[in-house]
Amino acid sequence: MIQDSKTVIVIEDDPNISDLIDLYLRKADYRVLQAKNSARAKELISSNNPILAIVDIGLEGDEDGLELLKSIRQTSSLPVIIVTARDDEIDKIMGLELGADDYMAKPFSPRELVARVKAVTRRTSEKGDSAQTVQIDSLKIDFAKREVFVDESEIQLAAKEFDLLAFLAQNKGIVFDRHQLLNSVWGDNWYGDERTVDVHIRQIRKKLDTHADLVKTIWGVGYRLG
């Protein structure tokens, strides 16, 4: 299915918040789909192939937002922004570890949310390289198809995990600190914590499994690939 370049799905069980997000996204010329629960969200994602999902962590029903995000990541690299009213920082960290690309805490500015949607989708669409693929030891990255293989077996990365790994691969052997990686991969308008880099590196290593040591930690400096 061809991806709809302007469709965003909002997964939120509070109709007032969902409608508010819908209003601002439509003003920004996005097509918006709304879902109140995980089951409906999966149906809309499957049938519409949106460019991004906004997921409320506190969804009610069989799956909360974190469980839904985990389900999405099992089959898709769809960019996801999580929204939470919970104060516990662990929810944000868990969301990032499960593959979220960004997060916002309620109450939030609808204009800021739209800006983040634009930033995440722009970074996703702009990724790629004139070289179609790169091979580093047992790791192969296809930039055009956004696919990653280890020992010829494909591994599933979240959108931001792919972006981070691709950036490191395009700059093999160069050490980058957190701030440099945030600017290069997340963009200058990133508002979150620098520790999101560590969270994504940890997830990438977990998925690389026995080849996790391809992503090197240079203590006191940052990270490099190879």
Protein backbone atom coordinates (compact mmCIF):
# COMPACT_ATOMS: atom_id res chain seq x y z
CA MET A 1 0.00 0.00 0.00
CA ILE A 2 1.29 3.48 -0.88
CA GLN A 3 1.71 5.68 2.16
CA ASP A 4 -0.64 8.67 2.37
CA SER A 5 1.73 11.61 2.79
CA LYS A 6 -0.78 13.74 4.72
CA THR A 7 -2.68 11.25 6.91
CA VAL A 8 -2.15 11.28 10.69
CA ILE A 9 -4.02 9.01 13.09
CA VAL A 10 -4.90 10.33 16.55
CA ILE A 11 -5.45 7.58 19.13
CA GLU A 12 -7.02 9.26 22.14
CA ASP A 13 -10.02 8.24 24.25
CA ASP A 14 -10.84 11.79 25.41
CA PRO A 15 -13.00 13.22 22.60
CA ASN A 16 -12.28 16.83 23.59
CA ILE A 17 -8.52 16.36 23.29
CA SER A 18 -8.87 14.28 20.13
CA ASP A 19 -11.06 16.90 18.48
CA LEU A 20 -8.66 19.68 19.48
CA ILE A 21 -5.70 17.85 17.93
CA ASP A 22 -7.84 17.13 14.87
CA LEU A 23 -8.70 20.82 14.50
CA TYR A 24 -5.09 22.03 14.59
CA LEU A 25 -3.77 19.28 12.33
CA ARG A 26 -6.47 19.97 9.74
CA LYS A 27 -5.56 23.66 9.84
CA ALA A 28 -2.02 22.51 8.98
CA ASP A 29 -3.46 20.65 5.98
CA TYR A 30 -3.27 17.13 7.39
CA ARG A 31 -5.92 14.46 6.89
CA VAL A 32 -6.83 13.22 10.38
CA LEU A 33 -8.27 9.90 11.51
CA GLN A 34 -9.44 9.37 15.08
CA ALA A 35 -9.53 6.19 17.15
CA LYS A 36 -10.69 5.79 20.74
CA ASN A 37 -9.11 2.39 21.37
CA SER A 38 -6.38 0.06 20.25
CA ALA A 39 -8.55 -2.21 18.13
CA ARG A 40 -9.91 0.64 16.03
CA ALA A 41 -6.46 2.18 15.74
CA LYS A 42 -5.02 -1.03 14.27
CA GLU A 43 -7.85 -1.17 11.72
CA LEU A 44 -7.22 2.43 10.61
CA ILE A 45 -3.46 1.98 10.44
CA SER A 46 -3.84 -1.16 8.34
CA SER A 47 -6.37 0.31 5.91
CA ASN A 48 -4.98 3.86 5.56
CA ASN A 49 -1.19 3.55 5.97
CA PRO A 50 -0.71 6.94 7.71
CA ILE A 51 2.59 8.78 7.98
CA LEU A 52 2.40 9.19 11.76
CA ALA A 53 0.40 8.17 14.84
CA ILE A 54 -0.26 10.21 17.96
CA VAL A 55 -0.88 7.77 20.81
CA ASP A 56 -2.24 8.54 24.28
CA ILE A 57 -0.48 6.33 26.83
CA GLY A 58 -3.56 6.28 29.06
CA LEU A 59 -5.88 4.53 26.62
CA GLU A 60 -8.63 2.46 28.22
CA GLY A 61 -9.62 -0.99 27.03
CA ASP A 62 -7.72 -4.19 26.26
CA GLU A 63 -4.49 -2.32 25.45
CA ASP A 64 -3.15 0.94 26.83
CA GLY A 65 -1.00 3.22 24.70
CA LEU A 66 2.28 1.51 25.58
CA GLU A 67 0.86 -1.92 24.70
CA LEU A 68 -0.46 -0.52 21.43
CA LEU A 69 2.94 0.99 20.64
CA LYS A 70 4.56 -2.39 21.29
CA SER A 71 2.07 -4.03 18.90
CA ILE A 72 2.77 -1.43 16.21
CA ARG A 73 6.51 -1.92 16.52
CA GLN A 74 6.21 -5.66 15.94
CA THR A 75 5.21 -5.05 12.33
CA SER A 76 5.84 -1.40 11.45
CA SER A 77 8.29 1.50 11.68
CA LEU A 78 5.40 3.99 11.61
CA PRO A 79 6.55 7.19 13.37
CA VAL A 80 4.78 7.59 16.73
CA ILE A 81 4.44 10.54 19.11
CA ILE A 82 3.21 9.49 22.55
CA VAL A 83 1.11 11.79 24.72
CA THR A 84 0.76 11.25 28.44
CA ALA A 85 -0.93 12.86 31.43
CA ARG A 86 1.05 10.66 33.78
CA ASP A 87 3.72 12.35 35.88
CA ASP A 88 5.96 9.32 36.21
CA GLU A 89 9.03 9.72 34.01
CA ILE A 90 9.20 5.94 33.60
CA ASP A 91 6.23 6.08 31.20
CA LYS A 92 8.13 8.40 28.88
CA ILE A 93 11.25 6.26 29.08
CA MET A 94 9.24 3.09 28.42
CA GLY A 95 7.61 4.75 25.45
CA LEU A 96 10.98 5.67 23.96
CA GLU A 97 12.35 2.21 24.64
CA LEU A 98 9.36 0.68 22.85
CA GLY A 99 10.10 2.80 19.79
CA ALA A 100 8.29 6.13 20.15
CA ASP A 101 9.88 8.94 18.14
CA ASP A 102 8.84 11.78 20.45
CA TYR A 103 6.60 12.47 23.43
CA MET A 104 4.53 15.28 24.92
CA ALA A 105 3.09 15.68 28.40
CA LYS A 106 -0.45 16.92 28.99
CA PRO A 107 -1.46 19.67 29.06
CA PHE A 108 0.34 20.65 25.87
CA SER A 109 0.18 23.35 23.24
CA PRO A 110 -1.65 22.11 20.11
CA ARG A 111 0.62 24.34 18.02
CA GLU A 112 3.70 22.71 19.52
CA LEU A 113 2.23 19.27 18.79
CA VAL A 114 1.70 20.25 15.14
CA ALA A 115 5.30 21.49 15.01
CA ARG A 116 6.53 18.18 16.35
CA VAL A 117 4.41 16.25 13.84
CA LYS A 118 6.01 18.27 11.06
CA ALA A 119 9.49 17.76 12.47
CA VAL A 120 9.12 13.99 12.89
CA THR A 121 7.59 13.46 9.44
CA ARG A 122 10.16 15.73 7.80
CA ARG A 123 13.06 13.89 9.39
CA THR A 124 11.58 10.56 8.34
CA SER A 125 10.96 11.60 4.75
CA GLU A 126 14.35 13.28 4.34
CA LYS A 127 16.35 10.27 5.48
CA GLY A 128 18.18 8.41 2.82
CA ASP A 129 21.50 8.71 1.06
CA SER A 130 22.90 8.83 -2.46
CA ALA A 131 24.48 5.46 -1.68
CA GLN A 132 21.62 2.99 -1.61
CA THR A 133 23.20 0.61 0.88
CA VAL A 134 26.10 0.34 3.28
CA GLN A 135 27.73 -2.82 4.63
CA ILE A 136 29.60 -2.75 7.93
CA ASP A 137 30.79 -6.19 8.97
CA SER A 138 27.62 -8.28 9.31
CA LEU A 139 25.38 -5.19 9.27
CA LYS A 140 23.71 -4.07 6.03
CA ILE A 141 21.55 -0.93 5.77
CA ASP A 142 19.35 -0.13 2.78
CA PHE A 143 18.69 3.61 3.04
CA ALA A 144 16.11 3.82 0.25
CA LYS A 145 14.00 0.97 1.60
CA ARG A 146 14.78 1.79 5.25
CA GLU A 147 15.70 -1.82 5.91
CA VAL A 148 18.39 -3.25 8.20
CA PHE A 149 19.87 -6.73 7.99
CA VAL A 150 22.23 -8.59 10.31
CA ASP A 151 23.71 -11.80 8.91
CA GLU A 152 21.15 -11.54 6.07
CA SER A 153 18.23 -11.54 8.54
CA GLU A 154 16.11 -8.40 8.64
CA ILE A 155 15.63 -6.67 11.98
CA GLN A 156 12.79 -4.29 12.72
CA LEU A 157 13.76 -0.83 13.91
CA ALA A 158 11.51 2.02 14.95
CA ALA A 159 11.71 5.05 12.68
CA LYS A 160 13.99 7.03 14.96
CA GLU A 161 16.14 3.99 15.70
CA PHE A 162 16.70 3.58 11.97
CA ASP A 163 17.48 7.28 11.56
CA LEU A 164 20.06 7.15 14.35
CA LEU A 165 21.71 3.97 13.09
CA ALA A 166 21.71 5.28 9.50
CA PHE A 167 23.37 8.53 10.58
CA LEU A 168 26.09 6.65 12.44
CA ALA A 169 26.58 4.34 9.45
CA GLN A 170 26.89 7.29 7.07
CA ASN A 171 29.60 8.63 9.38
CA LYS A 172 31.32 5.34 10.21
CA GLY A 173 34.14 5.64 12.72
CA ILE A 174 33.29 9.20 13.77
CA VAL A 175 32.41 9.80 17.42
CA PHE A 176 29.38 11.98 18.15
CA ASP A 177 28.24 13.24 21.52
CA ARG A 178 24.57 13.31 22.54
CA HIS A 179 24.09 16.94 21.57
CA GLN A 180 25.49 16.37 18.08
CA LEU A 181 23.29 13.31 17.59
CA LEU A 182 20.20 15.17 18.76
CA ASN A 183 20.87 18.03 16.34
CA SER A 184 21.63 15.72 13.43
CA VAL A 185 18.93 13.09 13.93
CA TRP A 186 16.18 14.73 15.98
CA GLY A 187 16.74 18.25 14.66
CA ASP A 188 17.41 21.65 16.21
CA ASN A 189 13.81 21.95 17.44
CA TRP A 190 14.03 18.89 19.70
CA TYR A 191 12.65 19.74 23.13
CA GLY A 192 13.30 16.53 25.02
CA ASP A 193 15.96 15.08 27.28
CA GLU A 194 19.42 14.21 25.95
CA ARG A 195 18.98 10.77 27.53
CA THR A 196 16.68 9.84 24.66
CA VAL A 197 19.88 9.16 22.69
CA ASP A 198 20.96 6.60 25.29
CA VAL A 199 17.52 4.98 25.22
CA HIS A 200 17.59 4.60 21.44
CA ILE A 201 21.18 3.32 21.42
CA ARG A 202 20.18 0.72 24.01
CA GLN A 203 17.23 -0.41 21.86
CA ILE A 204 19.38 -0.61 18.73
CA ARG A 205 21.94 -2.76 20.53
CA LYS A 206 19.21 -5.01 21.88
CA LYS A 207 17.94 -5.62 18.35
CA LEU A 208 21.43 -6.15 16.95
CA ASP A 209 21.68 -8.91 19.57
CA THR A 210 25.05 -10.68 19.32
CA HIS A 211 26.35 -7.87 17.11
CA ALA A 212 25.51 -5.12 19.60
CA ASP A 213 29.19 -4.23 19.95
CA LEU A 214 29.10 -2.68 16.46
CA VAL A 215 27.76 0.43 18.20
CA LYS A 216 30.64 1.62 20.35
CA THR A 217 30.45 3.74 23.48
CA ILE A 218 33.39 6.13 23.80
CA TRP A 219 33.24 6.84 27.50
CA GLY A 220 33.04 10.51 28.37
CA VAL A 221 32.50 11.43 24.72
CA GLY A 222 29.68 9.69 22.88
CA TYR A 223 28.97 6.97 20.33
CA ARG A 224 30.26 5.70 17.01
CA LEU A 225 29.53 2.82 14.64
CA GLY A 226 32.29 0.43 13.63
